[in-house]
């Protein structure tokens, strides 16, 4: 564009110089009669306007070129910013998802650990309670056993009642398995279950050992127990 402007400007200068030269140096030739320089006068008169218009065109063209270049740079910068924002977005999204996944597994681990801890505490508590209850029960059994033994030694009428309370399973098995047994025979079976010897029973009931042995023989016959089997052991197996 600048080259075209220089070319046009030079041509106008050349034409203007030619007109002056024709009027000044060759007046006798009266060239003006042969050539019409009116169009040159118009060109000369409009030279300033032409130059101004041409300058404006060049300025507009340069401005458009600069604007296009600026737009191109701005578009490239926008693309870079867009790419950078996308990378930041995906990075933050990845970090967020990683945090969520980690938090989820930590929560599950926490719940699992808490549940296991609660289960262990409950089991320990139950174990302690069971031990305590067993200890108390054992103490009660020991106390009750001692009480039953003492009542047997005293040949108390309350012996069979207390035996029934402390060893209900034994009492009800004897009653249901052998309904023909009399109360005195059930009492005798209770003493055998408590593993009293013939001598002990004789001492507690104020009879001779022979009388106790005779009662054992009658009981064997009534309950169909072999003579080879120990009555105390048989009573334990039957009642337990």
Foldseek 3Di string as FASTA:
>chain_A
DVVVLVVVVVVLVVLVVVVVCCVPVPVVVCCCVVDPCPVNVVCVVCVVVVNVVVVVVVVVVVVVVVVVVVVVVVVVVVVVVVVVVVVVVVVVVVVVVVVVVVVVVVVVVVVVVVVVVVVVVVVVVVVVVVVVVVVVVVVVLVVLLVVLVVCQQQVHPCNVVSLCVNQVLLLVLCCVVPVVDDPVLSVLLSCLLNVDDLVSNCNSVVHDSVVSVVSVVVVCVSVVNDPVDDSSVVSNVSRD
